[in-house]
Amino acid sequence: MWRNSVNLSSNLLSLSKSNHNQSFFLSSNPLRSAIIFAGHGVRGGVSQTQLHSSSGEFPSSVSSLKLGFEKSEGERAFKFSSSAAVVGPSVATTAALAKAKDVAEAFRHYGRCYWELSKARLSMLVVLTSGAGFVLGSGTAIDVAGLCWTCTGTMMVAASASSLNQVFEKNNDARMKRTRQRPLPSGRISLPHAAIWASTIGVTGTTLLACKANMLAAGLAASNLALYAFLYTPLKQIHPVNTWVGAIVGAIPPLLGWAAASGQVSLNAMILPAALYFWQLPHFMALAYLCRKDYADGGFRMFSLADPSGQRTSLVALRNCLYLLPLGYLAYDWGITSGWFCLESTLLTLFMTAGAVSFVRDRTAKNARRMFHGSLLYLPVFMSGMLFHRLTDNQQDLTETNPVRLATETQVHESEGDCYLAKPRRGSSIGIQSRPPVAYASVAPFPFLPAPVYANSDV
């Protein structure tokens, strides 16, 4: 019994020491006490009972333990509130990013629809022809700002015409494999939306040309828009003559550019429009032959549909290639370009004509495609050659003057026994001394022409 009492007292002593140590440990680190109690599976009530029954110092440790738990809960609450503060802006940022993404997606969607409605690549080709006409009609000095305004207005009017064309041909495009994925047949944009877009840019482009260029250029743009949208487009479903009407539409933009630069339309301005008119016919004939089935499915009355063998289609293409041959010589003869362009244009046209001859001899899709690719090469090279070899106003004046007359500045003539010094010609821009009619006729390039009669009676 004594041994049992000794063991009991020793156990109580050791328990009090251990509890005292635990209380010191817990009081020094309250957060760690919760971990120890939780790790040993000791509940709060049992621990407090044991601590109160052991020593009087333990209540302080218990209070420190409670403070530790309260501090832990405070820290946990602070962390929760700070995390909520962090989460709040992140939710707002996420919502703002989602909204911005939706706006960007809508902008991308409608931008793509407008691009396809406008047939942007074809419209840019129209702009190039208009810009070339502007440069050719500018003379010596080129108004760069005027060129930019003219190209911008032409682009808007061309985009409007293409958009209206698709508005009117929505059902036809839906039946063709080549066009059924356009914005209107595929349902990516509504018909009223496309009509409003086309009308807005058409009116804006015409107004821009009227304000920044002149009324003649604006009138040509408006008439070409009406011709394309309200005549050529319905004719495609009525009669094969639509191809020739479409060629007229394609020939007007360079005339528009010339009018915007010079304020008038002259005979010299017709070279590039004539080239575009005759070029479009073999180009379209090759395309119509290659896409005969599509055009038939869409309900379009193209010339190639009434020509199963393709013979008449190929002959029309060849005939219009031959019409392109004299244009280089006319550009040189009328003083628009130098003689080098005459040679280059002839060689280029012969190259395109060779493709048309191959198509006439063997009417296959391969030869039609070859002629089509040749037409794609012809137009940019022809326009580049005209721009590179063009003559300015001063060069045209020098070209029109005879070299022999340039070498002879003064000439003494005898008339009725008197000698006099020749006077300058009235209206001459470079002050060249005039010759008597007989002497002038003797050195003229065409001596069989009648001698010119001068307005000045003193000569």
Protein backbone atom coordinates (compact mmCIF):
# COMPACT_ATOMS: atom_id res chain seq x y z
CA MET A 1 0.00 0.00 0.00
CA TRP A 2 2.77 2.36 0.84
CA ARG A 3 4.35 1.50 -2.43
CA ASN A 4 1.08 2.24 -4.20
CA SER A 5 0.74 5.58 -2.37
CA VAL A 6 4.33 6.49 -3.31
CA ASN A 7 3.62 5.59 -6.89
CA LEU A 8 0.44 7.63 -6.80
CA SER A 9 2.21 10.66 -5.29
CA SER A 10 5.04 10.36 -7.81
CA ASN A 11 2.51 10.11 -10.61
CA LEU A 12 0.69 13.18 -9.35
CA LEU A 13 3.99 15.05 -9.05
CA SER A 14 5.04 14.12 -12.53
CA LEU A 15 1.62 15.03 -13.84
CA SER A 16 1.76 18.42 -12.18
CA LYS A 17 5.23 19.05 -13.62
CA SER A 18 4.18 17.97 -17.05
CA ASN A 19 1.05 20.07 -16.83
CA HIS A 20 3.10 23.00 -15.61
CA ASN A 21 5.48 22.57 -18.54
CA GLN A 22 2.59 22.29 -20.95
CA SER A 23 1.02 25.38 -19.48
CA PHE A 24 4.26 27.30 -19.90
CA PHE A 25 4.62 26.01 -23.44
CA LEU A 26 1.04 26.81 -24.31
CA SER A 27 1.14 30.23 -22.71
CA SER A 28 4.26 31.11 -24.63
CA ASN A 29 2.76 29.93 -27.92
CA PRO A 30 -1.04 29.82 -27.86
CA LEU A 31 -1.41 28.91 -31.50
CA ARG A 32 0.74 25.86 -31.03
CA SER A 33 -1.41 24.73 -28.10
CA ALA A 34 -4.40 24.26 -30.31
CA ILE A 35 -2.32 22.08 -32.55
CA ILE A 36 -1.12 19.96 -29.59
CA PHE A 37 -4.59 19.50 -28.20
CA ALA A 38 -6.00 18.68 -31.55
CA GLY A 39 -3.17 16.25 -32.24
CA HIS A 40 -3.76 14.35 -28.96
CA GLY A 41 -7.51 14.41 -29.32
CA VAL A 42 -7.99 16.30 -26.03
CA ARG A 43 -11.15 18.36 -25.75
CA GLY A 44 -11.18 21.83 -24.24
CA GLY A 45 -13.38 20.99 -21.26
CA VAL A 46 -11.36 17.99 -20.10
CA SER A 47 -8.12 19.89 -20.43
CA GLN A 48 -9.40 22.80 -18.41
CA THR A 49 -10.66 20.42 -15.64
CA GLN A 50 -7.31 18.69 -15.39
CA LEU A 51 -5.45 21.97 -15.38
CA HIS A 52 -7.64 23.47 -12.63
CA SER A 53 -7.28 20.37 -10.44
CA SER A 54 -3.54 20.32 -10.71
CA SER A 55 -2.21 23.76 -9.98
CA GLY A 56 -3.27 27.36 -9.49
CA GLU A 57 -1.05 28.67 -12.25
CA PHE A 58 -2.96 26.91 -14.97
CA PRO A 59 -5.91 29.26 -15.26
CA SER A 60 -3.51 31.91 -16.62
CA SER A 61 -2.35 29.43 -19.20
CA VAL A 62 -5.97 28.63 -20.00
CA SER A 63 -6.68 32.33 -20.49
CA SER A 64 -3.65 32.56 -22.70
CA LEU A 65 -4.95 29.54 -24.56
CA LYS A 66 -8.30 31.24 -25.06
CA LEU A 67 -6.54 34.34 -26.22
CA GLY A 68 -4.57 32.19 -28.59
CA PHE A 69 -7.73 30.71 -30.00
CA GLU A 70 -9.32 34.16 -30.27
CA LYS A 71 -6.23 35.48 -31.99
CA SER A 72 -6.29 32.54 -34.34
CA GLU A 73 -9.94 33.21 -35.11
CA GLY A 74 -9.16 36.92 -35.57
CA GLU A 75 -6.35 36.12 -37.93
CA ARG A 76 -8.65 33.71 -39.76
CA ALA A 77 -11.33 36.43 -40.02
CA PHE A 78 -8.76 38.97 -41.20
CA LYS A 79 -7.51 36.57 -43.81
CA PHE A 80 -11.07 35.92 -44.97
CA SER A 81 -11.86 39.62 -45.20
CA SER A 82 -8.63 40.38 -47.05
CA SER A 83 -9.25 37.46 -49.41
CA ALA A 84 -12.74 38.80 -50.00
CA ALA A 85 -11.22 42.19 -50.74
CA VAL A 86 -8.90 40.52 -53.23
CA VAL A 87 -11.67 38.45 -54.77
CA GLY A 88 -13.91 41.53 -55.23
CA PRO A 89 -11.67 43.38 -57.74
CA SER A 90 -10.80 40.11 -59.47
CA VAL A 91 -14.49 39.44 -60.13
CA ALA A 92 -14.95 42.96 -61.46
CA THR A 93 -11.84 42.62 -63.59
CA THR A 94 -13.05 39.30 -64.93
CA ALA A 95 -16.40 40.81 -65.84
CA ALA A 96 -14.70 43.75 -67.55
CA LEU A 97 -12.41 41.43 -69.47
CA ALA A 98 -15.37 39.29 -70.54
CA LYS A 99 -17.22 42.38 -71.75
CA ALA A 100 -14.15 43.63 -73.64
CA LYS A 101 -13.77 40.20 -75.20
CA ASP A 102 -17.40 40.27 -76.34
CA VAL A 103 -16.92 43.73 -77.86
CA ALA A 104 -13.76 42.61 -79.64
CA GLU A 105 -15.52 39.51 -80.92
CA ALA A 106 -18.44 41.58 -82.25
CA PHE A 107 -16.03 44.04 -83.85
CA ARG A 108 -14.14 41.18 -85.49
CA HIS A 109 -17.37 39.56 -86.68
CA TYR A 110 -18.85 42.67 -88.28
CA GLY A 111 -15.50 43.75 -89.64
CA ARG A 112 -15.20 40.42 -91.42
CA CYS A 113 -18.77 40.75 -92.75
CA TYR A 114 -18.13 44.29 -94.04
CA TRP A 115 -14.89 43.14 -95.66
CA GLU A 116 -16.67 40.36 -97.54
CA LEU A 117 -19.68 42.51 -98.44
CA SER A 118 -17.36 45.14 -99.92
CA LYS A 119 -15.37 42.57 -101.94
CA ALA A 120 -12.35 44.39 -100.61
CA ARG A 121 -9.75 42.92 -102.97
CA LEU A 122 -11.81 43.76 -106.05
CA SER A 123 -12.54 47.23 -104.66
CA MET A 124 -8.82 47.82 -104.10
CA LEU A 125 -8.19 46.95 -107.76
CA VAL A 126 -10.78 49.59 -108.69
CA VAL A 127 -8.94 52.06 -106.44
CA LEU A 128 -5.66 51.30 -108.23
CA THR A 129 -7.19 52.07 -111.62
CA SER A 130 -8.68 55.30 -110.27
CA GLY A 131 -5.32 56.29 -108.77
CA ALA A 132 -3.56 55.57 -112.06
CA GLY A 133 -6.06 57.81 -113.88
CA PHE A 134 -5.43 60.56 -111.32
CA VAL A 135 -1.66 60.41 -111.85
CA LEU A 136 -1.98 60.40 -115.64
CA GLY A 137 -4.30 63.41 -115.53
CA SER A 138 -2.15 65.38 -113.09
CA GLY A 139 0.37 66.70 -115.60
CA THR A 140 3.64 67.84 -114.07
CA ALA A 141 2.76 68.14 -110.37
CA ILE A 142 0.80 65.43 -108.53
CA ASP A 143 -1.44 66.52 -105.67
CA VAL A 144 -0.75 63.78 -103.12
CA ALA A 145 -3.54 64.87 -100.78
CA GLY A 146 -6.00 64.97 -103.68
CA LEU A 147 -4.85 61.51 -104.74
CA CYS A 148 -5.49 60.12 -101.25
CA TRP A 149 -8.95 61.69 -101.05
CA THR A 150 -9.85 60.39 -104.51
CA CYS A 151 -8.74 56.86 -103.68
CA THR A 152 -10.64 56.92 -100.38
CA GLY A 153 -13.86 58.10 -102.01
CA THR A 154 -13.49 55.60 -104.84
CA MET A 155 -12.96 52.78 -102.34
CA MET A 156 -16.12 53.68 -100.45
CA VAL A 157 -18.24 53.92 -103.59
CA ALA A 158 -16.87 50.63 -104.95
CA ALA A 159 -17.54 48.91 -101.60
CA SER A 160 -21.08 50.27 -101.63
CA ALA A 161 -21.71 48.95 -105.14
CA SER A 162 -20.42 45.48 -104.23
CA SER A 163 -22.51 45.41 -101.05
CA LEU A 164 -25.69 46.39 -102.90
CA ASN A 165 -24.92 43.72 -105.47
CA GLN A 166 -24.91 41.08 -102.73
CA VAL A 167 -28.07 42.52 -101.16
CA PHE A 168 -29.94 42.07 -104.44
CA GLU A 169 -28.43 38.64 -105.15
CA LYS A 170 -28.80 37.04 -101.74
CA ASN A 171 -31.00 34.17 -102.96
CA ASN A 172 -28.87 33.58 -106.06
CA ASP A 173 -25.68 33.45 -104.01
CA ALA A 174 -27.28 30.89 -101.68
CA ARG A 175 -27.65 28.48 -104.62
CA MET A 176 -24.04 28.77 -105.80
CA LYS A 177 -21.25 26.77 -104.24
CA ARG A 178 -18.76 29.59 -104.79
CA THR A 179 -20.83 32.22 -102.98
CA ARG A 180 -23.04 30.44 -100.45
CA GLN A 181 -20.66 31.25 -97.58
CA ARG A 182 -20.98 35.00 -98.06
CA PRO A 183 -22.34 36.98 -95.09
CA LEU A 184 -25.94 37.28 -96.32
CA PRO A 185 -26.59 33.71 -97.57
CA SER A 186 -24.89 32.23 -94.50
CA GLY A 187 -26.96 34.40 -92.15
CA ARG A 188 -24.01 36.08 -90.47
CA ILE A 189 -25.53 39.51 -91.04
CA SER A 190 -29.10 40.64 -91.67
CA LEU A 191 -30.36 42.09 -94.93
CA PRO A 192 -31.38 45.51 -93.48
CA HIS A 193 -27.99 45.81 -91.77
CA ALA A 194 -26.18 45.20 -95.06
CA ALA A 195 -28.45 47.64 -96.93
CA ILE A 196 -27.81 50.39 -94.35
CA TRP A 197 -24.06 49.75 -94.51
CA ALA A 198 -24.05 49.95 -98.34
CA SER A 199 -26.13 53.13 -98.47
CA THR A 200 -24.07 54.87 -95.79
CA ILE A 201 -20.67 54.31 -97.36
CA GLY A 202 -22.01 55.07 -100.85
CA VAL A 203 -23.37 58.47 -99.85
CA THR A 204 -20.25 59.22 -97.78
CA GLY A 205 -17.86 58.34 -100.61
CA THR A 206 -19.76 60.44 -103.17
CA THR A 207 -19.89 63.40 -100.79
CA LEU A 208 -16.18 63.07 -100.10
CA LEU A 209 -15.37 63.21 -103.82
CA ALA A 210 -17.64 66.24 -104.27
CA CYS A 211 -15.96 68.12 -101.40
CA LYS A 212 -12.32 67.12 -101.90
CA ALA A 213 -12.14 66.63 -105.69
CA ASN A 214 -14.87 68.15 -107.89
CA MET A 215 -18.47 67.61 -108.92
CA LEU A 216 -17.47 65.88 -112.15
CA ALA A 217 -15.65 63.12 -110.27
CA ALA A 218 -18.54 62.81 -107.80
CA GLY A 219 -21.03 62.57 -110.66
CA LEU A 220 -19.01 59.82 -112.35
CA ALA A 221 -18.83 57.92 -109.05
CA ALA A 222 -22.58 58.20 -108.42
CA SER A 223 -23.46 57.19 -111.98
CA ASN A 224 -21.13 54.21 -111.83
CA LEU A 225 -22.68 53.09 -108.53
CA ALA A 226 -26.17 53.29 -110.03
CA LEU A 227 -25.04 51.55 -113.22
CA TYR A 228 -23.51 48.65 -111.31
CA ALA A 229 -26.17 48.15 -108.65
CA PHE A 230 -29.36 48.95 -110.56
CA LEU A 231 -28.57 47.96 -114.15
CA TYR A 232 -25.73 45.44 -114.29
CA THR A 233 -26.95 43.43 -111.28
CA PRO A 234 -30.50 42.75 -112.53
CA LEU A 235 -29.25 42.21 -116.11
CA LYS A 236 -27.22 39.24 -114.89
CA GLN A 237 -30.50 37.35 -114.50
CA ILE A 238 -32.07 38.65 -117.72
CA HIS A 239 -29.63 38.79 -120.65
CA PRO A 240 -25.99 37.93 -121.50
CA VAL A 241 -25.35 41.57 -122.44
CA ASN A 242 -24.65 42.09 -118.73
CA THR A 243 -20.97 41.29 -119.38
CA TRP A 244 -20.59 44.29 -121.70
CA VAL A 245 -22.43 46.55 -119.27
CA GLY A 246 -20.13 45.35 -116.49
CA ALA A 247 -17.13 46.19 -118.69
CA ILE A 248 -18.38 49.78 -118.93
CA VAL A 249 -18.65 49.90 -115.15
CA GLY A 250 -15.04 48.75 -114.83
CA ALA A 251 -13.81 51.34 -117.35
CA ILE A 252 -15.20 54.38 -115.50
CA PRO A 253 -12.89 54.48 -112.40
CA PRO A 254 -9.73 55.60 -114.30
CA LEU A 255 -11.84 58.25 -116.01
CA LEU A 256 -13.02 59.31 -112.54
CA GLY A 257 -9.41 59.67 -111.40
CA TRP A 258 -8.47 61.73 -114.46
CA ALA A 259 -11.47 64.02 -113.89
CA ALA A 260 -10.58 64.43 -110.21
CA ALA A 261 -7.05 65.54 -111.14
CA SER A 262 -7.72 67.75 -114.17
CA GLY A 263 -11.35 68.77 -113.73
CA GLN A 264 -12.22 67.69 -117.27
CA VAL A 265 -12.50 64.68 -119.56
CA SER A 266 -10.40 64.82 -122.74
CA LEU A 267 -9.54 62.40 -125.52
CA ASN A 268 -6.24 61.51 -123.84
CA ALA A 269 -8.19 60.38 -120.80
CA MET A 270 -9.79 57.53 -122.80
CA ILE A 271 -6.67 55.37 -123.22
CA LEU A 272 -6.74 53.66 -119.81
CA PRO A 273 -10.57 53.29 -119.74
CA ALA A 274 -10.42 51.69 -123.21
CA ALA A 275 -7.75 49.29 -122.02
CA LEU A 276 -9.88 48.32 -119.03
CA TYR A 277 -12.99 47.85 -121.17
CA PHE A 278 -11.32 45.54 -123.72
CA TRP A 279 -9.35 43.73 -121.02
CA GLN A 280 -12.41 42.82 -118.97
CA LEU A 281 -14.10 40.86 -121.77
CA PRO A 282 -11.48 38.10 -122.17
CA HIS A 283 -11.05 38.13 -118.40
CA PHE A 284 -14.78 37.60 -117.78
CA MET A 285 -15.18 35.13 -120.65
CA ALA A 286 -12.52 32.87 -119.17
CA LEU A 287 -14.13 33.10 -115.73
CA ALA A 288 -17.63 32.46 -117.12
CA TYR A 289 -16.40 29.38 -118.99
CA LEU A 290 -14.74 27.98 -115.86
CA CYS A 291 -17.78 28.64 -113.63
CA ARG A 292 -20.56 27.66 -116.04
CA LYS A 293 -22.21 25.22 -113.65
CA ASP A 294 -22.18 27.68 -110.77
CA TYR A 295 -23.69 30.43 -112.88
CA ALA A 296 -26.39 28.05 -114.10
CA ASP A 297 -27.22 27.02 -110.53
CA GLY A 298 -27.41 30.66 -109.47
CA GLY A 299 -29.78 31.60 -112.28
CA PHE A 300 -27.41 33.99 -114.08
CA ARG A 301 -27.71 34.41 -117.85
CA MET A 302 -24.06 34.46 -118.82
CA PHE A 303 -22.80 34.37 -122.41
CA SER A 304 -21.03 31.05 -121.91
CA LEU A 305 -24.25 29.24 -120.91
CA ALA A 306 -25.68 29.62 -124.42
CA ASP A 307 -22.41 28.35 -125.92
CA PRO A 308 -21.91 24.69 -124.91
CA SER A 309 -18.90 24.21 -127.17
CA GLY A 310 -17.21 27.41 -125.99
CA GLN A 311 -16.37 28.51 -129.52
CA ARG A 312 -18.14 31.86 -129.47
CA THR A 313 -16.85 32.54 -125.96
CA SER A 314 -13.25 32.00 -127.04
CA LEU A 315 -13.70 34.13 -130.19
CA VAL A 316 -15.07 37.04 -128.14
CA ALA A 317 -12.02 36.79 -125.90
CA LEU A 318 -9.62 36.73 -128.86
CA ARG A 319 -11.32 39.65 -130.63
CA ASN A 320 -11.03 41.91 -127.60
CA CYS A 321 -7.40 40.95 -127.09
CA LEU A 322 -6.73 42.20 -130.63
CA TYR A 323 -8.49 45.46 -129.79
CA LEU A 324 -5.85 46.05 -127.13
CA LEU A 325 -2.98 46.07 -129.64
CA PRO A 326 -3.16 49.70 -130.89
CA LEU A 327 -3.59 51.26 -127.45
CA GLY A 328 0.15 51.50 -126.80
CA TYR A 329 0.72 53.28 -130.09
CA LEU A 330 -2.17 55.68 -129.40
CA ALA A 331 -0.76 56.52 -125.96
CA TYR A 332 2.55 57.38 -127.63
CA ASP A 333 1.00 59.23 -130.56
CA TRP A 334 -1.21 61.38 -128.35
CA GLY A 335 1.74 62.39 -126.20
CA ILE A 336 0.73 60.52 -123.04
CA THR A 337 3.74 58.16 -122.87
CA SER A 338 7.11 57.73 -124.49
CA GLY A 339 7.86 55.42 -127.40
CA TRP A 340 9.10 52.66 -125.09
CA PHE A 341 5.59 52.09 -123.79
CA CYS A 342 4.40 51.46 -127.34
CA LEU A 343 6.83 48.55 -127.63
CA GLU A 344 6.16 47.16 -124.15
CA SER A 345 2.38 47.36 -124.53
CA THR A 346 2.53 45.53 -127.85
CA LEU A 347 4.61 42.70 -126.42
CA LEU A 348 2.35 42.40 -123.39
CA THR A 349 -0.79 42.29 -125.53
CA LEU A 350 0.73 39.65 -127.81
CA PHE A 351 1.44 37.52 -124.75
CA MET A 352 -2.21 37.75 -123.66
CA THR A 353 -3.39 37.15 -127.22
CA ALA A 354 -1.35 33.94 -127.40
CA GLY A 355 -3.35 32.60 -124.45
CA ALA A 356 -6.60 33.51 -126.23
CA VAL A 357 -5.42 31.75 -129.40
CA SER A 358 -4.67 28.60 -127.40
CA PHE A 359 -8.17 28.77 -125.93
CA VAL A 360 -9.71 29.11 -129.41
CA ARG A 361 -7.80 26.12 -130.75
CA ASP A 362 -8.42 23.88 -127.74
CA ARG A 363 -11.37 24.90 -125.58
CA THR A 364 -10.48 23.21 -122.30
CA ALA A 365 -10.57 24.35 -118.70
CA LYS A 366 -6.77 24.34 -118.62
CA ASN A 367 -6.47 26.82 -121.51
CA ALA A 368 -9.29 28.97 -120.12
CA ARG A 369 -7.50 29.12 -116.77
CA ARG A 370 -4.25 30.01 -118.53
CA MET A 371 -5.93 32.88 -120.35
CA PHE A 372 -7.51 34.01 -117.07
CA HIS A 373 -4.12 34.10 -115.34
CA GLY A 374 -2.65 35.97 -118.30
CA SER A 375 -5.35 38.62 -117.94
CA LEU A 376 -4.51 38.98 -114.25
CA LEU A 377 -0.91 39.74 -115.23
CA TYR A 378 -1.79 42.12 -118.07
CA LEU A 379 -3.61 44.88 -116.21
CA PRO A 380 -1.08 45.76 -113.46
CA VAL A 381 1.83 45.62 -115.93
CA PHE A 382 -0.02 47.82 -118.44
CA MET A 383 -0.89 50.44 -115.81
CA SER A 384 2.63 50.37 -114.35
CA GLY A 385 4.09 50.91 -117.83
CA MET A 386 1.83 53.88 -118.47
CA LEU A 387 2.79 55.47 -115.16
CA PHE A 388 6.50 54.80 -115.64
CA HIS A 389 6.67 56.13 -119.21
CA ARG A 390 4.17 58.96 -118.85
CA LEU A 391 5.16 62.39 -120.13
CA THR A 392 4.63 65.54 -118.12
CA ASP A 393 3.22 68.73 -119.63
CA ASN A 394 6.68 70.17 -120.34
CA GLN A 395 7.81 66.97 -122.01
CA GLN A 396 4.66 66.91 -124.13
CA ASP A 397 5.34 70.46 -125.30
CA LEU A 398 8.88 69.50 -126.27
CA THR A 399 7.66 66.40 -128.07
CA GLU A 400 5.11 68.33 -130.09
CA THR A 401 7.79 70.79 -131.26
CA ASN A 402 9.88 69.81 -134.30
CA PRO A 403 13.57 69.23 -133.43
CA VAL A 404 14.72 71.25 -136.44
CA ARG A 405 12.72 74.19 -135.22
CA LEU A 406 14.28 73.86 -131.80
CA ALA A 407 17.76 74.07 -133.31
CA THR A 408 16.95 77.19 -135.30
CA GLU A 409 16.01 80.00 -132.98
CA THR A 410 15.97 82.79 -135.56
CA GLN A 411 15.69 82.82 -139.30
CA VAL A 412 16.12 85.68 -141.73
CA HIS A 413 13.61 85.59 -144.56
CA GLU A 414 13.27 87.57 -147.75
CA SER A 415 9.85 88.77 -148.66
CA GLU A 416 9.28 91.38 -151.41
CA GLY A 417 12.96 92.34 -151.34
CA ASP A 418 13.00 93.11 -147.62
CA CYS A 419 14.83 91.16 -144.91
CA TYR A 420 13.31 90.85 -141.49
CA LEU A 421 13.74 88.87 -138.33
CA ALA A 422 11.06 86.29 -137.60
CA LYS A 423 8.86 87.07 -134.67
CA PRO A 424 7.80 84.66 -131.94
CA ARG A 425 4.60 82.73 -132.57
CA ARG A 426 1.56 84.01 -130.80
CA GLY A 427 0.48 81.60 -128.07
CA SER A 428 3.77 79.68 -128.03
CA SER A 429 4.68 78.47 -124.55
CA ILE A 430 8.43 78.26 -125.11
CA GLY A 431 9.11 81.22 -127.37
CA ILE A 432 10.18 79.36 -130.53
CA GLN A 433 10.79 81.53 -133.57
CA SER A 434 8.33 80.87 -136.39
CA ARG A 435 9.09 79.92 -139.99
CA PRO A 436 7.29 80.88 -143.15
CA PRO A 437 4.63 78.35 -144.19
CA VAL A 438 6.59 76.92 -147.11
CA ALA A 439 9.72 76.28 -145.04
CA TYR A 440 7.64 74.76 -142.25
CA ALA A 441 5.88 72.42 -144.64
CA SER A 442 9.20 71.30 -146.08
CA VAL A 443 10.43 69.97 -142.73
CA ALA A 444 7.08 68.75 -141.41
CA PRO A 445 6.75 65.01 -140.74
CA PHE A 446 3.92 64.86 -143.25
CA PRO A 447 4.82 67.25 -146.12
CA PHE A 448 1.67 66.45 -148.04
CA LEU A 449 -0.43 68.32 -145.45
CA PRO A 450 -1.39 71.91 -146.27
CA ALA A 451 0.84 74.59 -144.87
CA PRO A 452 -0.44 76.13 -141.63
CA VAL A 453 -1.96 79.60 -141.75
CA TYR A 454 -0.68 81.84 -138.96
CA ALA A 455 -3.01 84.20 -137.15
CA ASN A 456 -0.33 86.89 -137.13
CA SER A 457 -0.59 88.81 -140.39
CA ASP A 458 2.88 90.36 -139.96
CA VAL A 459 4.61 87.06 -140.57
